[in-house]
Amino acid sequence: MFAQRFSATRRGARLARRLTTLLLDLWGVPYGSPASDTVTLLVAELASNAAMHGQVPGRDFELRLHYDVATGVVRVEVSDTHPGRPNPSRPEGGALDGSRGLLLVETLASRWGVDERQGPGKTVWAEYVLRREAVRGPEPESTPGGLLNNPPG
């Protein structure tokens, strides 16, 4: 599992995306692979939404990534303190309420949703199932500068 808070800015969203690609590579999902690109896109969309639509002045957003090696599921969770909630349901016209980014999330994720969080705001999450051939063995236990915590292994 990885958890980190970022400033609710475009720079914070970009850093969340970049750290995701590094972490996935350390977890055995090679940089530039379709699986890495897909999970990174999910993080990019959710982090961007938190920075642009979920921003409360003086408050950060939090990114949590979980990788269950046994099931191959990567779970992305982005929490912010804004009370507004995206609507994951489709209205009668078929288009998603909210941004086009949520349409990407719905299309790419195995499942996704919005949960309450402890304190103000909400957590938007998405799960992606990795195919076995998309993952190589995990890297050694060391991580650069202690930046990333608890890689599976």
Protein backbone atom coordinates (compact mmCIF):
# COMPACT_ATOMS: atom_id res chain seq x y z
CA MET A 1 0.00 0.00 0.00
CA PHE A 2 1.07 3.56 -0.71
CA ALA A 3 -0.47 6.70 0.77
CA GLN A 4 0.58 10.30 0.20
CA ARG A 5 -1.00 13.73 0.49
CA PHE A 6 -0.57 16.25 -2.32
CA SER A 7 -1.39 19.92 -2.70
CA ALA A 8 -4.76 20.36 -4.41
CA THR A 9 -3.15 21.89 -7.49
CA ARG A 10 -2.30 20.77 -11.01
CA ARG A 11 1.27 20.27 -9.82
CA GLY A 12 0.03 17.99 -7.01
CA ALA A 13 -2.04 15.97 -9.49
CA ARG A 14 0.96 15.65 -11.83
CA LEU A 15 3.20 14.48 -8.97
CA ALA A 16 0.59 11.87 -7.95
CA ARG A 17 0.56 10.55 -11.51
CA ARG A 18 4.37 10.40 -11.72
CA LEU A 19 4.74 8.64 -8.38
CA THR A 20 2.13 6.11 -9.48
CA THR A 21 4.18 5.07 -12.52
CA LEU A 22 7.28 4.71 -10.33
CA LEU A 23 5.43 2.70 -7.71
CA LEU A 24 3.81 0.40 -10.26
CA ASP A 25 7.22 -0.29 -11.80
CA LEU A 26 8.59 -1.16 -8.36
CA TRP A 27 5.60 -3.46 -7.85
CA GLY A 28 6.40 -5.31 -11.09
CA VAL A 29 4.10 -3.48 -13.52
CA PRO A 30 6.60 -2.17 -16.11
CA TYR A 31 6.69 1.50 -16.98
CA GLY A 32 5.01 2.13 -20.35
CA SER A 33 3.08 -1.15 -20.33
CA PRO A 34 -0.66 -1.01 -21.08
CA ALA A 35 -1.45 -1.91 -17.45
CA SER A 36 0.82 0.83 -16.09
CA ASP A 37 -0.61 3.37 -18.52
CA THR A 38 -4.19 2.45 -17.60
CA VAL A 39 -3.70 2.67 -13.83
CA THR A 40 -1.74 5.90 -14.28
CA LEU A 41 -4.60 7.35 -16.34
CA LEU A 42 -7.06 6.43 -13.59
CA VAL A 43 -4.87 8.23 -11.04
CA ALA A 44 -4.46 11.22 -13.37
CA GLU A 45 -8.22 11.62 -13.80
CA LEU A 46 -9.12 11.17 -10.13
CA ALA A 47 -6.27 13.39 -8.89
CA SER A 48 -7.10 16.06 -11.46
CA ASN A 49 -10.74 16.03 -10.36
CA ALA A 50 -9.67 16.35 -6.72
CA ALA A 51 -7.39 19.28 -7.55
CA MET A 52 -9.84 21.09 -9.83
CA HIS A 53 -13.30 20.25 -8.46
CA GLY A 54 -12.62 18.97 -4.94
CA GLN A 55 -10.29 21.72 -3.85
CA VAL A 56 -10.94 23.48 -0.57
CA PRO A 57 -8.49 26.33 0.13
CA GLY A 58 -5.70 25.19 2.42
CA ARG A 59 -6.60 21.49 2.11
CA ASP A 60 -4.72 18.73 0.30
CA PHE A 61 -5.98 15.61 -1.41
CA GLU A 62 -4.76 12.14 -0.55
CA LEU A 63 -3.84 9.33 -2.93
CA ARG A 64 -3.85 5.74 -1.72
CA LEU A 65 -2.82 2.82 -3.91
CA HIS A 66 -3.34 -0.80 -2.91
CA TYR A 67 -2.02 -3.74 -4.90
CA ASP A 68 -3.35 -7.18 -3.98
CA VAL A 69 -0.86 -9.55 -5.57
CA ALA A 70 -3.09 -12.59 -5.04
CA THR A 71 -6.03 -11.15 -7.01
CA GLY A 72 -4.08 -8.80 -9.29
CA VAL A 73 -6.30 -5.87 -8.27
CA VAL A 74 -4.87 -2.37 -8.08
CA ARG A 75 -7.17 -0.05 -6.13
CA VAL A 76 -6.80 3.71 -6.52
CA GLU A 77 -8.38 5.94 -3.88
CA VAL A 78 -8.36 9.74 -4.00
CA SER A 79 -9.82 11.63 -1.04
CA ASP A 80 -10.57 15.34 -0.82
CA THR A 81 -12.41 17.54 1.67
CA HIS A 82 -14.96 19.09 -0.68
CA PRO A 83 -18.56 18.04 0.12
CA GLY A 84 -19.62 17.78 -3.55
CA ARG A 85 -19.85 14.24 -4.89
CA PRO A 86 -19.59 13.01 -8.46
CA ASN A 87 -22.57 11.01 -9.60
CA PRO A 88 -21.43 7.62 -10.93
CA SER A 89 -24.86 6.84 -12.38
CA ARG A 90 -25.95 7.59 -15.92
CA PRO A 91 -28.99 9.77 -16.52
CA GLU A 92 -31.53 8.73 -19.14
CA GLY A 93 -29.54 10.34 -21.99
CA GLY A 94 -26.67 7.91 -21.34
CA ALA A 95 -23.94 10.46 -20.62
CA LEU A 96 -22.32 10.59 -17.21
CA ASP A 97 -23.10 13.54 -14.98
CA GLY A 98 -19.91 15.55 -14.44
CA SER A 99 -16.66 15.51 -16.33
CA ARG A 100 -15.53 13.45 -19.29
CA GLY A 101 -12.78 12.17 -17.02
CA LEU A 102 -15.35 10.11 -15.15
CA LEU A 103 -16.37 8.53 -18.44
CA LEU A 104 -12.74 7.44 -18.88
CA VAL A 105 -12.69 6.09 -15.34
CA GLU A 106 -15.91 4.16 -15.94
CA THR A 107 -14.57 2.76 -19.22
CA LEU A 108 -11.11 1.74 -17.95
CA ALA A 109 -11.80 0.61 -14.39
CA SER A 110 -13.16 -2.81 -13.49
CA ARG A 111 -15.35 -0.94 -11.01
CA TRP A 112 -15.42 2.44 -9.33
CA GLY A 113 -17.45 4.48 -6.89
CA VAL A 114 -17.62 7.15 -4.22
CA ASP A 115 -17.42 6.49 -0.48
CA GLU A 116 -17.74 8.54 2.67
CA ARG A 117 -14.47 9.29 4.41
CA GLN A 118 -13.57 10.00 8.00
CA GLY A 119 -13.83 13.77 8.30
CA PRO A 120 -15.21 16.09 5.63
CA GLY A 121 -15.36 15.19 1.96
CA LYS A 122 -15.35 11.92 0.09
CA THR A 123 -13.15 9.22 -1.43
CA VAL A 124 -13.46 8.42 -5.13
CA TRP A 125 -12.01 5.01 -5.93
CA ALA A 126 -11.37 2.82 -8.95
CA GLU A 127 -10.12 -0.74 -9.31
CA TYR A 128 -8.22 -2.27 -12.18
CA VAL A 129 -7.47 -6.00 -12.55
CA LEU A 130 -4.00 -6.75 -13.90
CA ARG A 131 -3.55 -9.69 -16.22
CA ARG A 132 -0.83 -12.06 -14.98
CA GLU A 133 1.32 -11.49 -18.06
CA ALA A 134 1.35 -7.73 -17.32
CA VAL A 135 3.34 -8.23 -14.11
CA ARG A 136 6.96 -9.24 -13.67
CA GLY A 137 8.49 -10.25 -10.35
CA PRO A 138 8.78 -7.51 -7.72
CA GLU A 139 11.97 -5.49 -7.42
CA PRO A 140 14.24 -5.87 -4.39
CA GLU A 141 12.87 -4.61 -1.07
CA SER A 142 14.75 -1.29 -1.19
CA THR A 143 12.96 1.80 -2.40
CA PRO A 144 14.54 5.05 -3.55
CA GLY A 145 15.11 7.30 -0.57
CA GLY A 146 12.38 5.56 1.42
CA LEU A 147 9.86 7.47 -0.70
CA LEU A 148 7.55 4.54 -1.34
CA ASN A 149 6.38 2.31 1.44
CA ASN A 150 5.45 -1.34 1.66
CA PRO A 151 5.94 -2.72 -1.86
CA PRO A 152 4.50 -6.23 -2.01
CA GLY A 153 7.03 -8.96 -2.01
